[in-house]
PDB file of all heavy atoms in Angstrom:
ATOM      1  N   SER A   1     114.319 176.151 126.115  1.00  0.00           N
ATOM      2  CA  SER A   1     114.498 175.304 127.305  1.00  0.00           C
ATOM      3  C   SER A   1     115.956 174.884 127.474  1.00  0.00           C
ATOM      4  O   SER A   1     116.283 173.691 127.456  1.00  0.00           O
ATOM      5  CB  SER A   1     113.610 174.057 127.190  1.00  0.00           C
ATOM      6  OG  SER A   1     112.250 174.400 127.069  1.00  0.00           O
ATOM      7  N   PRO A   2     116.870 175.838 127.665  1.00  0.00           N
ATOM      8  CA  PRO A   2     118.288 175.467 127.773  1.00  0.00           C
ATOM      9  C   PRO A   2     118.603 174.797 129.105  1.00  0.00           C
ATOM     10  O   PRO A   2     117.978 175.061 130.133  1.00  0.00           O
ATOM     11  CB  PRO A   2     119.002 176.818 127.649  1.00  0.00           C
ATOM     12  CG  PRO A   2     118.013 177.806 128.192  1.00  0.00           C
ATOM     13  CD  PRO A   2     116.661 177.294 127.773  1.00  0.00           C
ATOM     14  N   ILE A   3     119.585 173.911 129.058  1.00  0.00           N
ATOM     15  CA  ILE A   3     120.147 173.292 130.259  1.00  0.00           C
ATOM     16  C   ILE A   3     121.561 173.854 130.414  1.00  0.00           C
ATOM     17  O   ILE A   3     122.419 173.622 129.562  1.00  0.00           O
ATOM     18  CB  ILE A   3     120.184 171.756 130.149  1.00  0.00           C
ATOM     19  CG1 ILE A   3     118.820 171.208 129.701  1.00  0.00           C
ATOM     20  CG2 ILE A   3     120.600 171.138 131.475  1.00  0.00           C
ATOM     21  CD1 ILE A   3     118.845 169.721 129.371  1.00  0.00           C
ATOM     22  N   GLN A   4     121.798 174.600 131.460  1.00  0.00           N
ATOM     23  CA  GLN A   4     123.090 175.239 131.654  1.00  0.00           C
ATOM     24  C   GLN A   4     124.145 174.211 132.070  1.00  0.00           C
ATOM     25  O   GLN A   4     123.807 173.118 132.551  1.00  0.00           O
ATOM     26  CB  GLN A   4     122.978 176.339 132.705  1.00  0.00           C
ATOM     27  CG  GLN A   4     122.012 177.459 132.342  1.00  0.00           C
ATOM     28  CD  GLN A   4     122.354 178.153 131.037  1.00  0.00           C
ATOM     29  OE1 GLN A   4     123.550 178.286 130.698  1.00  0.00           O
ATOM     30  NE2 GLN A   4     121.346 178.607 130.301  1.00  0.00           N
ATOM     31  N   PRO A   5     125.422 174.510 131.896  1.00  0.00           N
ATOM     32  CA  PRO A   5     126.475 173.572 132.316  1.00  0.00           C
ATOM     33  C   PRO A   5     126.315 173.187 133.788  1.00  0.00           C
ATOM     34  O   PRO A   5     126.112 174.041 134.649  1.00  0.00           O
ATOM     35  CB  PRO A   5     127.764 174.359 132.073  1.00  0.00           C
ATOM     36  CG  PRO A   5     127.410 175.329 130.992  1.00  0.00           C
ATOM     37  CD  PRO A   5     125.981 175.698 131.235  1.00  0.00           C
ATOM     38  N   GLY A   6     126.372 171.897 134.052  1.00  0.00           N
ATOM     39  CA  GLY A   6     126.235 171.401 135.409  1.00  0.00           C
ATOM     40  C   GLY A   6     124.809 171.287 135.908  1.00  0.00           C
ATOM     41  O   GLY A   6     124.578 170.794 137.023  1.00  0.00           O
ATOM     42  N   ALA A   7     123.835 171.713 135.103  1.00  0.00           N
ATOM     43  CA  ALA A   7     122.436 171.716 135.537  1.00  0.00           C
ATOM     44  C   ALA A   7     121.703 170.476 135.026  1.00  0.00           C
ATOM     45  O   ALA A   7     122.180 169.744 134.159  1.00  0.00           O
ATOM     46  CB  ALA A   7     121.738 172.987 135.066  1.00  0.00           C
ATOM     47  N   THR A   8     120.523 170.267 135.575  1.00  0.00           N
ATOM     48  CA  THR A   8     119.661 169.143 135.211  1.00  0.00           C
ATOM     49  C   THR A   8     118.279 169.667 134.871  1.00  0.00           C
ATOM     50  O   THR A   8     117.783 170.597 135.510  1.00  0.00           O
ATOM     51  CB  THR A   8     119.567 168.137 136.376  1.00  0.00           C
ATOM     52  OG1 THR A   8     120.843 167.544 136.588  1.00  0.00           O
ATOM     53  CG2 THR A   8     118.572 167.034 136.074  1.00  0.00           C
ATOM     54  N   LEU A   9     117.656 169.079 133.867  1.00  0.00           N
ATOM     55  CA  LEU A   9     116.286 169.428 133.503  1.00  0.00           C
ATOM     56  C   LEU A   9     115.458 168.148 133.475  1.00  0.00           C
ATOM     57  O   LEU A   9     115.889 167.125 132.920  1.00  0.00           O
ATOM     58  CB  LEU A   9     116.240 170.120 132.138  1.00  0.00           C
ATOM     59  CG  LEU A   9     114.871 170.649 131.693  1.00  0.00           C
ATOM     60  CD1 LEU A   9     114.350 171.690 132.665  1.00  0.00           C
ATOM     61  CD2 LEU A   9     114.971 171.265 130.294  1.00  0.00           C
ATOM     62  N   ASP A  10     114.291 168.189 134.083  1.00  0.00           N
ATOM     63  CA  ASP A  10     113.405 167.036 134.149  1.00  0.00           C
ATOM     64  C   ASP A  10     112.284 167.186 133.135  1.00  0.00           C
ATOM     65  O   ASP A  10     111.579 168.203 133.120  1.00  0.00           O
ATOM     66  CB  ASP A  10     112.808 166.898 135.552  1.00  0.00           C
ATOM     67  CG  ASP A  10     113.857 166.552 136.595  1.00  0.00           C
ATOM     68  OD1 ASP A  10     114.641 165.622 136.367  1.00  0.00           O
ATOM     69  OD2 ASP A  10     113.896 167.236 137.631  1.00  0.00           O
ATOM     70  N   TYR A  11     112.122 166.169 132.302  1.00  0.00           N
ATOM     71  CA  TYR A  11     111.039 166.117 131.328  1.00  0.00           C
ATOM     72  C   TYR A  11     110.012 165.106 131.813  1.00  0.00           C
ATOM     73  O   TYR A  11     110.358 163.965 132.133  1.00  0.00           O
ATOM     74  CB  TYR A  11     111.560 165.708 129.948  1.00  0.00           C
ATOM     75  CG  TYR A  11     112.529 166.679 129.320  1.00  0.00           C
ATOM     76  CD1 TYR A  11     113.895 166.590 129.576  1.00  0.00           C
ATOM     77  CD2 TYR A  11     112.086 167.681 128.471  1.00  0.00           C
ATOM     78  CE1 TYR A  11     114.789 167.471 128.999  1.00  0.00           C
ATOM     79  CE2 TYR A  11     112.978 168.572 127.884  1.00  0.00           C
ATOM     80  CZ  TYR A  11     114.323 168.464 128.156  1.00  0.00           C
ATOM     81  OH  TYR A  11     115.209 169.339 127.584  1.00  0.00           O
ATOM     82  N   ARG A  12     108.756 165.503 131.849  1.00  0.00           N
ATOM     83  CA  ARG A  12     107.669 164.621 132.266  1.00  0.00           C
ATOM     84  C   ARG A  12     106.565 164.669 131.225  1.00  0.00           C
ATOM     85  O   ARG A  12     106.021 165.743 130.936  1.00  0.00           O
ATOM     86  CB  ARG A  12     107.136 165.038 133.637  1.00  0.00           C
ATOM     87  CG  ARG A  12     108.130 164.850 134.778  1.00  0.00           C
ATOM     88  CD  ARG A  12     107.530 165.292 136.115  1.00  0.00           C
ATOM     89  NE  ARG A  12     108.389 164.961 137.250  1.00  0.00           N
ATOM     90  CZ  ARG A  12     109.355 165.745 137.699  1.00  0.00           C
ATOM     91  NH1 ARG A  12     109.590 166.911 137.116  1.00  0.00           N
ATOM     92  NH2 ARG A  12     110.088 165.375 138.740  1.00  0.00           N
ATOM     93  N   PHE A  13     106.252 163.529 130.654  1.00  0.00           N
ATOM     94  CA  PHE A  13     105.186 163.483 129.659  1.00  0.00           C
ATOM     95  C   PHE A  13     104.717 162.047 129.483  1.00  0.00           C
ATOM     96  O   PHE A  13     105.322 161.099 130.002  1.00  0.00           O
ATOM     97  CB  PHE A  13     105.630 164.086 128.321  1.00  0.00           C
ATOM     98  CG  PHE A  13     106.933 163.560 127.776  1.00  0.00           C
ATOM     99  CD1 PHE A  13     107.039 162.281 127.224  1.00  0.00           C
ATOM    100  CD2 PHE A  13     108.078 164.355 127.788  1.00  0.00           C
ATOM    101  CE1 PHE A  13     108.234 161.798 126.715  1.00  0.00           C
ATOM    102  CE2 PHE A  13     109.284 163.882 127.284  1.00  0.00           C
ATOM    103  CZ  PHE A  13     109.361 162.601 126.738  1.00  0.00           C
ATOM    104  N   THR A  14     103.637 161.898 128.729  1.00  0.00           N
ATOM    105  CA  THR A  14     103.108 160.595 128.349  1.00  0.00           C
ATOM    106  C   THR A  14     102.964 160.578 126.835  1.00  0.00           C
ATOM    107  O   THR A  14     102.355 161.497 126.261  1.00  0.00           O
ATOM    108  CB  THR A  14     101.736 160.343 128.998  1.00  0.00           C
ATOM    109  OG1 THR A  14     101.889 160.367 130.423  1.00  0.00           O
ATOM    110  CG2 THR A  14     101.169 158.998 128.579  1.00  0.00           C
ATOM    111  N   LEU A  15     103.535 159.592 126.183  1.00  0.00           N
ATOM    112  CA  LEU A  15     103.470 159.501 124.726  1.00  0.00           C
ATOM    113  C   LEU A  15     102.259 158.667 124.331  1.00  0.00           C
ATOM    114  O   LEU A  15     102.301 157.442 124.342  1.00  0.00           O
ATOM    115  CB  LEU A  15     104.758 158.881 124.170  1.00  0.00           C
ATOM    116  CG  LEU A  15     106.035 159.700 124.380  1.00  0.00           C
ATOM    117  CD1 LEU A  15     107.234 158.966 123.815  1.00  0.00           C
ATOM    118  CD2 LEU A  15     105.910 161.085 123.764  1.00  0.00           C
ATOM    119  N   ASP A  16     101.176 159.355 124.005  1.00  0.00           N
ATOM    120  CA  ASP A  16      99.967 158.672 123.544  1.00  0.00           C
ATOM    121  C   ASP A  16      99.936 158.754 122.021  1.00  0.00           C
ATOM    122  O   ASP A  16      99.170 159.507 121.429  1.00  0.00           O
ATOM    123  CB  ASP A  16      98.725 159.314 124.153  1.00  0.00           C
ATOM    124  CG  ASP A  16      97.467 158.522 123.836  1.00  0.00           C
ATOM    125  OD1 ASP A  16      97.596 157.365 123.377  1.00  0.00           O
ATOM    126  OD2 ASP A  16      96.357 159.069 124.032  1.00  0.00           O
ATOM    127  N   GLN A  17     100.811 157.986 121.402  1.00  0.00           N
ATOM    128  CA  GLN A  17     100.937 157.976 119.951  1.00  0.00           C
ATOM    129  C   GLN A  17     101.397 156.601 119.508  1.00  0.00           C
ATOM    130  O   GLN A  17     101.922 155.826 120.305  1.00  0.00           O
ATOM    131  CB  GLN A  17     101.918 159.061 119.485  1.00  0.00           C
ATOM    132  CG  GLN A  17     103.319 158.929 120.033  1.00  0.00           C
ATOM    133  CD  GLN A  17     104.191 160.139 119.729  1.00  0.00           C
ATOM    134  OE1 GLN A  17     104.353 161.013 120.578  1.00  0.00           O
ATOM    135  NE2 GLN A  17     104.753 160.183 118.523  1.00  0.00           N
ATOM    136  N   PRO A  18     101.186 156.256 118.235  1.00  0.00           N
ATOM    137  CA  PRO A  18     101.525 154.903 117.765  1.00  0.00           C
ATOM    138  C   PRO A  18     103.003 154.587 117.921  1.00  0.00           C
ATOM    139  O   PRO A  18     103.867 155.474 117.984  1.00  0.00           O
ATOM    140  CB  PRO A  18     101.112 154.937 116.289  1.00  0.00           C
ATOM    141  CG  PRO A  18     100.105 156.039 116.188  1.00  0.00           C
ATOM    142  CD  PRO A  18     100.533 157.063 117.192  1.00  0.00           C
ATOM    143  N   GLY A  19     103.303 153.287 117.961  1.00  0.00           N
ATOM    144  CA  GLY A  19     104.686 152.846 117.997  1.00  0.00           C
ATOM    145  C   GLY A  19     105.452 153.405 116.812  1.00  0.00           C
ATOM    146  O   GLY A  19     104.965 153.408 115.679  1.00  0.00           O
ATOM    147  N   ALA A  20     106.674 153.890 117.058  1.00  0.00           N
ATOM    148  CA  ALA A  20     107.432 154.566 116.004  1.00  0.00           C
ATOM    149  C   ALA A  20     108.890 154.688 116.408  1.00  0.00           C
ATOM    150  O   ALA A  20     109.247 154.572 117.585  1.00  0.00           O
ATOM    151  CB  ALA A  20     106.850 155.950 115.724  1.00  0.00           C
ATOM    152  N   THR A  21     109.742 154.946 115.411  1.00  0.00           N
ATOM    153  CA  THR A  21     111.160 155.237 115.627  1.00  0.00           C
ATOM    154  C   THR A  21     111.332 156.748 115.624  1.00  0.00           C
ATOM    155  O   THR A  21     111.373 157.386 114.556  1.00  0.00           O
ATOM    156  CB  THR A  21     112.028 154.592 114.538  1.00  0.00           C
ATOM    157  OG1 THR A  21     111.820 153.171 114.538  1.00  0.00           O
ATOM    158  CG2 THR A  21     113.500 154.879 114.760  1.00  0.00           C
ATOM    159  N   LEU A  22     111.416 157.343 116.801  1.00  0.00           N
ATOM    160  CA  LEU A  22     111.679 158.773 116.942  1.00  0.00           C
ATOM    161  C   LEU A  22     113.167 158.950 117.277  1.00  0.00           C
ATOM    162  O   LEU A  22     113.926 157.998 117.292  1.00  0.00           O
ATOM    163  CB  LEU A  22     110.798 159.369 118.043  1.00  0.00           C
ATOM    164  CG  LEU A  22     109.305 158.999 118.020  1.00  0.00           C
ATOM    165  CD1 LEU A  22     108.567 159.732 119.143  1.00  0.00           C
ATOM    166  CD2 LEU A  22     108.665 159.293 116.681  1.00  0.00           C
ATOM    167  N   TRP A  23     113.568 160.194 117.554  1.00  0.00           N
ATOM    168  CA  TRP A  23     114.940 160.396 117.995  1.00  0.00           C
ATOM    169  C   TRP A  23     115.043 161.651 118.836  1.00  0.00           C
ATOM    170  O   TRP A  23     114.080 162.425 118.935  1.00  0.00           O
ATOM    171  CB  TRP A  23     115.922 160.374 116.844  1.00  0.00           C
ATOM    172  CG  TRP A  23     115.842 161.449 115.776  1.00  0.00           C
ATOM    173  CD1 TRP A  23     114.764 161.835 115.051  1.00  0.00           C
ATOM    174  CD2 TRP A  23     116.936 162.232 115.289  1.00  0.00           C
ATOM    175  NE1 TRP A  23     115.102 162.793 114.135  1.00  0.00           N
ATOM    176  CE2 TRP A  23     116.441 163.057 114.262  1.00  0.00           C
ATOM    177  CE3 TRP A  23     118.292 162.309 115.602  1.00  0.00           C
ATOM    178  CZ2 TRP A  23     117.246 163.972 113.563  1.00  0.00           C
ATOM    179  CZ3 TRP A  23     119.099 163.198 114.891  1.00  0.00           C
ATOM    180  CH2 TRP A  23     118.574 164.016 113.889  1.00  0.00           C
ATOM    181  N   TYR A  24     116.186 161.823 119.477  1.00  0.00           N
ATOM    182  CA  TYR A  24     116.413 163.012 120.307  1.00  0.00           C
ATOM    183  C   TYR A  24     117.774 163.603 119.958  1.00  0.00           C
ATOM    184  O   TYR A  24     118.716 162.904 119.580  1.00  0.00           O
ATOM    185  CB  TYR A  24     116.300 162.687 121.801  1.00  0.00           C
ATOM    186  CG  TYR A  24     117.241 161.640 122.333  1.00  0.00           C
ATOM    187  CD1 TYR A  24     118.461 161.980 122.937  1.00  0.00           C
ATOM    188  CD2 TYR A  24     116.915 160.278 122.274  1.00  0.00           C
ATOM    189  CE1 TYR A  24     119.308 161.014 123.446  1.00  0.00           C
ATOM    190  CE2 TYR A  24     117.757 159.302 122.787  1.00  0.00           C
ATOM    191  CZ  TYR A  24     118.959 159.676 123.370  1.00  0.00           C
ATOM    192  OH  TYR A  24     119.812 158.727 123.873  1.00  0.00           O
ATOM    193  N   HIS A  25     117.854 164.924 120.088  1.00  0.00           N
ATOM    194  CA  HIS A  25     119.073 165.649 119.741  1.00  0.00           C
ATOM    195  C   HIS A  25     118.975 167.067 120.286  1.00  0.00           C
ATOM    196  O   HIS A  25     117.884 167.520 120.656  1.00  0.00           O
ATOM    197  CB  HIS A  25     119.278 165.673 118.213  1.00  0.00           C
ATOM    198  CG  HIS A  25     118.154 166.317 117.450  1.00  0.00           C
ATOM    199  ND1 HIS A  25     118.004 167.688 117.347  1.00  0.00           N
ATOM    200  CD2 HIS A  25     117.118 165.781 116.755  1.00  0.00           C
ATOM    201  CE1 HIS A  25     116.942 167.966 116.613  1.00  0.00           C
ATOM    202  NE2 HIS A  25     116.375 166.821 116.255  1.00  0.00           N
ATOM    203  N   PRO A  26     120.078 167.819 120.331  1.00  0.00           N
ATOM    204  CA  PRO A  26     120.007 169.198 120.799  1.00  0.00           C
ATOM    205  C   PRO A  26     119.179 170.064 119.856  1.00  0.00           C
ATOM    206  O   PRO A  26     119.040 169.769 118.666  1.00  0.00           O
ATOM    207  CB  PRO A  26     121.474 169.655 120.812  1.00  0.00           C
ATOM    208  CG  PRO A  26     122.267 168.393 120.837  1.00  0.00           C
ATOM    209  CD  PRO A  26     121.455 167.397 120.061  1.00  0.00           C
ATOM    210  N   HIS A  27     118.640 171.140 120.427  1.00  0.00           N
ATOM    211  CA  HIS A  27     117.942 172.150 119.621  1.00  0.00           C
ATOM    212  C   HIS A  27     118.282 173.534 120.181  1.00  0.00           C
ATOM    213  O   HIS A  27     117.402 174.373 120.387  1.00  0.00           O
ATOM    214  CB  HIS A  27     116.436 171.909 119.640  1.00  0.00           C
ATOM    215  CG  HIS A  27     115.740 172.336 118.385  1.00  0.00           C
ATOM    216  ND1 HIS A  27     115.799 173.630 117.921  1.00  0.00           N
ATOM    217  CD2 HIS A  27     115.004 171.645 117.490  1.00  0.00           C
ATOM    218  CE1 HIS A  27     115.102 173.723 116.792  1.00  0.00           C
ATOM    219  NE2 HIS A  27     114.614 172.518 116.513  1.00  0.00           N
ATOM    220  N   THR A  28     119.587 173.729 120.402  1.00  0.00           N
ATOM    221  CA  THR A  28     120.080 174.951 121.017  1.00  0.00           C
ATOM    222  C   THR A  28     120.149 176.079 119.986  1.00  0.00           C
ATOM    223  O   THR A  28     120.624 175.864 118.864  1.00  0.00           O
ATOM    224  CB  THR A  28     121.486 174.708 121.591  1.00  0.00           C
ATOM    225  OG1 THR A  28     121.515 173.438 122.244  1.00  0.00           O
ATOM    226  CG2 THR A  28     121.875 175.798 122.565  1.00  0.00           C
ATOM    227  N   GLU A  29     119.700 177.264 120.345  1.00  0.00           N
ATOM    228  CA  GLU A  29     119.741 178.366 119.388  1.00  0.00           C
ATOM    229  C   GLU A  29     121.171 178.592 118.912  1.00  0.00           C
ATOM    230  O   GLU A  29     122.103 178.727 119.720  1.00  0.00           O
ATOM    231  CB  GLU A  29     119.203 179.655 120.003  1.00  0.00           C
ATOM    232  CG  GLU A  29     119.072 180.770 118.972  1.00  0.00           C
ATOM    233  CD  GLU A  29     118.626 182.095 119.560  1.00  0.00           C
ATOM    234  OE1 GLU A  29     118.765 182.266 120.786  1.00  0.00           O
ATOM    235  OE2 GLU A  29     118.160 182.954 118.798  1.00  0.00           O
ATOM    236  N   TYR A  30     121.349 178.596 117.583  1.00  0.00           N
ATOM    237  CA  TYR A  30     122.616 178.850 116.906  1.00  0.00           C
ATOM    238  C   TYR A  30     123.617 177.694 117.008  1.00  0.00           C
ATOM    239  O   TYR A  30     124.655 177.722 116.355  1.00  0.00           O
ATOM    240  CB  TYR A  30     123.302 180.127 117.410  1.00  0.00           C
ATOM    241  CG  TYR A  30     122.494 181.382 117.262  1.00  0.00           C
ATOM    242  CD1 TYR A  30     122.517 182.362 118.251  1.00  0.00           C
ATOM    243  CD2 TYR A  30     121.700 181.594 116.142  1.00  0.00           C
ATOM    244  CE1 TYR A  30     121.781 183.532 118.116  1.00  0.00           C
ATOM    245  CE2 TYR A  30     120.952 182.749 116.001  1.00  0.00           C
ATOM    246  CZ  TYR A  30     120.995 183.714 116.997  1.00  0.00           C
ATOM    247  OH  TYR A  30     120.253 184.854 116.859  1.00  0.00           O
ATOM    248  N   ARG A  31     123.353 176.664 117.855  1.00  0.00           N
ATOM    249  CA  ARG A  31     124.349 175.616 118.044  1.00  0.00           C
ATOM    250  C   ARG A  31     123.793 174.211 117.819  1.00  0.00           C
ATOM    251  O   ARG A  31     124.473 173.225 118.109  1.00  0.00           O
ATOM    252  CB  ARG A  31     124.970 175.729 119.448  1.00  0.00           C
ATOM    253  CG  ARG A  31     125.958 176.874 119.561  1.00  0.00           C
ATOM    254  CD  ARG A  31     126.514 177.026 120.977  1.00  0.00           C
ATOM    255  NE  ARG A  31     125.591 177.707 121.850  1.00  0.00           N
ATOM    256  CZ  ARG A  31     125.221 177.262 123.052  1.00  0.00           C
ATOM    257  NH1 ARG A  31     125.697 176.119 123.509  1.00  0.00           N
ATOM    258  NH2 ARG A  31     124.388 177.941 123.798  1.00  0.00           N
ATOM    259  N   THR A  32     122.585 174.112 117.279  1.00  0.00           N
ATOM    260  CA  THR A  32     122.028 172.777 117.018  1.00  0.00           C
ATOM    261  C   THR A  32     122.932 171.986 116.088  1.00  0.00           C
ATOM    262  O   THR A  32     123.250 170.822 116.350  1.00  0.00           O
ATOM    263  CB  THR A  32     120.621 172.892 116.399  1.00  0.00           C
ATOM    264  OG1 THR A  32     119.760 173.552 117.320  1.00  0.00           O
ATOM    265  CG2 THR A  32     120.053 171.527 116.066  1.00  0.00           C
ATOM    266  N   GLY A  33     123.339 172.601 114.972  1.00  0.00           N
ATOM    267  CA  GLY A  33     124.152 171.908 113.982  1.00  0.00           C
ATOM    268  C   GLY A  33     125.467 171.428 114.550  1.00  0.00           C
ATOM    269  O   GLY A  33     125.866 170.277 114.360  1.00  0.00           O
ATOM    270  N   ALA A  34     126.156 172.289 115.275  1.00  0.00           N
ATOM    271  CA  ALA A  34     127.464 171.926 115.823  1.00  0.00           C
ATOM    272  C   ALA A  34     127.332 170.852 116.892  1.00  0.00           C
ATOM    273  O   ALA A  34     128.125 169.898 116.941  1.00  0.00           O
ATOM    274  CB  ALA A  34     128.146 173.166 116.394  1.00  0.00           C
ATOM    275  N   GLN A  35     126.335 170.969 117.762  1.00  0.00           N
ATOM    276  CA  GLN A  35     126.204 169.998 118.853  1.00  0.00           C
ATOM    277  C   GLN A  35     125.766 168.627 118.339  1.00  0.00           C
ATOM    278  O   GLN A  35     126.231 167.596 118.837  1.00  0.00           O
ATOM    279  CB  GLN A  35     125.233 170.535 119.903  1.00  0.00           C
ATOM    280  CG  GLN A  35     125.807 171.724 120.667  1.00  0.00           C
ATOM    281  CD  GLN A  35     124.843 172.296 121.696  1.00  0.00           C
ATOM    282  OE1 GLN A  35     123.643 172.016 121.667  1.00  0.00           O
ATOM    283  NE2 GLN A  35     125.363 173.098 122.606  1.00  0.00           N
ATOM    284  N   ALA A  36     124.890 168.606 117.348  1.00  0.00           N
ATOM    285  CA  ALA A  36     124.518 167.317 116.750  1.00  0.00           C
ATOM    286  C   ALA A  36     125.710 166.714 116.013  1.00  0.00           C
ATOM    287  O   ALA A  36     125.947 165.495 116.084  1.00  0.00           O
ATOM    288  CB  ALA A  36     123.333 167.496 115.812  1.00  0.00           C
ATOM    289  N   TYR A  37     126.457 167.552 115.298  1.00  0.00           N
ATOM    290  CA  TYR A  37     127.639 167.083 114.570  1.00  0.00           C
ATOM    291  C   TYR A  37     128.679 166.514 115.521  1.00  0.00           C
ATOM    292  O   TYR A  37     129.408 165.571 115.187  1.00  0.00           O
ATOM    293  CB  TYR A  37     128.218 168.258 113.782  1.00  0.00           C
ATOM    294  CG  TYR A  37     129.219 167.910 112.717  1.00  0.00           C
ATOM    295  CD1 TYR A  37     128.806 167.518 111.454  1.00  0.00           C
ATOM    296  CD2 TYR A  37     130.584 168.022 112.957  1.00  0.00           C
ATOM    297  CE1 TYR A  37     129.728 167.225 110.449  1.00  0.00           C
ATOM    298  CE2 TYR A  37     131.516 167.730 111.963  1.00  0.00           C
ATOM    299  CZ  TYR A  37     131.077 167.332 110.716  1.00  0.00           C
ATOM    300  OH  TYR A  37     131.990 167.049 109.727  1.00  0.00           O
ATOM    301  N   ALA A  38     128.736 167.062 116.736  1.00  0.00           N
ATOM    302  CA  ALA A  38     129.692 166.602 117.736  1.00  0.00           C
ATOM    303  C   ALA A  38     129.356 165.215 118.269  1.00  0.00           C
ATOM    304  O   ALA A  38     130.196 164.575 118.911  1.00  0.00           O
ATOM    305  CB  ALA A  38     129.759 167.598 118.895  1.00  0.00           C
ATOM    306  N   GLY A  39     128.113 164.741 118.031  1.00  0.00           N
ATOM    307  CA  GLY A  39     127.752 163.384 118.422  1.00  0.00           C
ATOM    308  C   GLY A  39     126.519 163.253 119.282  1.00  0.00           C
ATOM    309  O   GLY A  39     126.160 162.136 119.671  1.00  0.00           O
ATOM    310  N   LEU A  40     125.846 164.352 119.601  1.00  0.00           N
ATOM    311  CA  LEU A  40     124.704 164.293 120.504  1.00  0.00           C
ATOM    312  C   LEU A  40     123.435 163.925 119.748  1.00  0.00           C
ATOM    313  O   LEU A  40     122.800 164.763 119.103  1.00  0.00           O
ATOM    314  CB  LEU A  40     124.530 165.635 121.223  1.00  0.00           C
ATOM    315  CG  LEU A  40     125.642 165.988 122.221  1.00  0.00           C
ATOM    316  CD1 LEU A  40     125.461 167.412 122.745  1.00  0.00           C
ATOM    317  CD2 LEU A  40     125.658 164.998 123.389  1.00  0.00           C
ATOM    318  N   ALA A  41     123.045 162.663 119.821  1.00  0.00           N
ATOM    319  CA  ALA A  41     121.811 162.181 119.187  1.00  0.00           C
ATOM    320  C   ALA A  41     121.555 160.762 119.668  1.00  0.00           C
ATOM    321  O   ALA A  41     122.478 160.044 120.066  1.00  0.00           O
ATOM    322  CB  ALA A  41     121.908 162.214 117.659  1.00  0.00           C
ATOM    323  N   GLY A  42     120.292 160.349 119.608  1.00  0.00           N
ATOM    324  CA  GLY A  42     119.947 158.976 119.950  1.00  0.00           C
ATOM    325  C   GLY A  42     118.536 158.663 119.515  1.00  0.00           C
ATOM    326  O   GLY A  42     117.742 159.575 119.242  1.00  0.00           O
ATOM    327  N   MET A  43     118.210 157.384 119.425  1.00  0.00           N
ATOM    328  CA  MET A  43     116.865 156.967 119.052  1.00  0.00           C
ATOM    329  C   MET A  43     115.941 156.924 120.263  1.00  0.00           C
ATOM    330  O   MET A  43     116.373 156.680 121.397  1.00  0.00           O
ATOM    331  CB  MET A  43     116.886 155.583 118.400  1.00  0.00           C
ATOM    332  CG  MET A  43     117.290 155.559 116.943  1.00  0.00           C
ATOM    333  SD  MET A  43     117.114 153.897 116.246  1.00  0.00           S
ATOM    334  CE  MET A  43     117.436 154.238 114.507  1.00  0.00           C
TER     335      MET A  43
END
């Protein structure tokens, strides 16, 4: 599910799960490590 430069992707879902501390970060093929290391992450 890549988002190209300048593009937008809409995520729609409902979280029917217990309260918890999750997080978000890139999961790009071959570049997850570099992009997360660059600072892309959040709770």
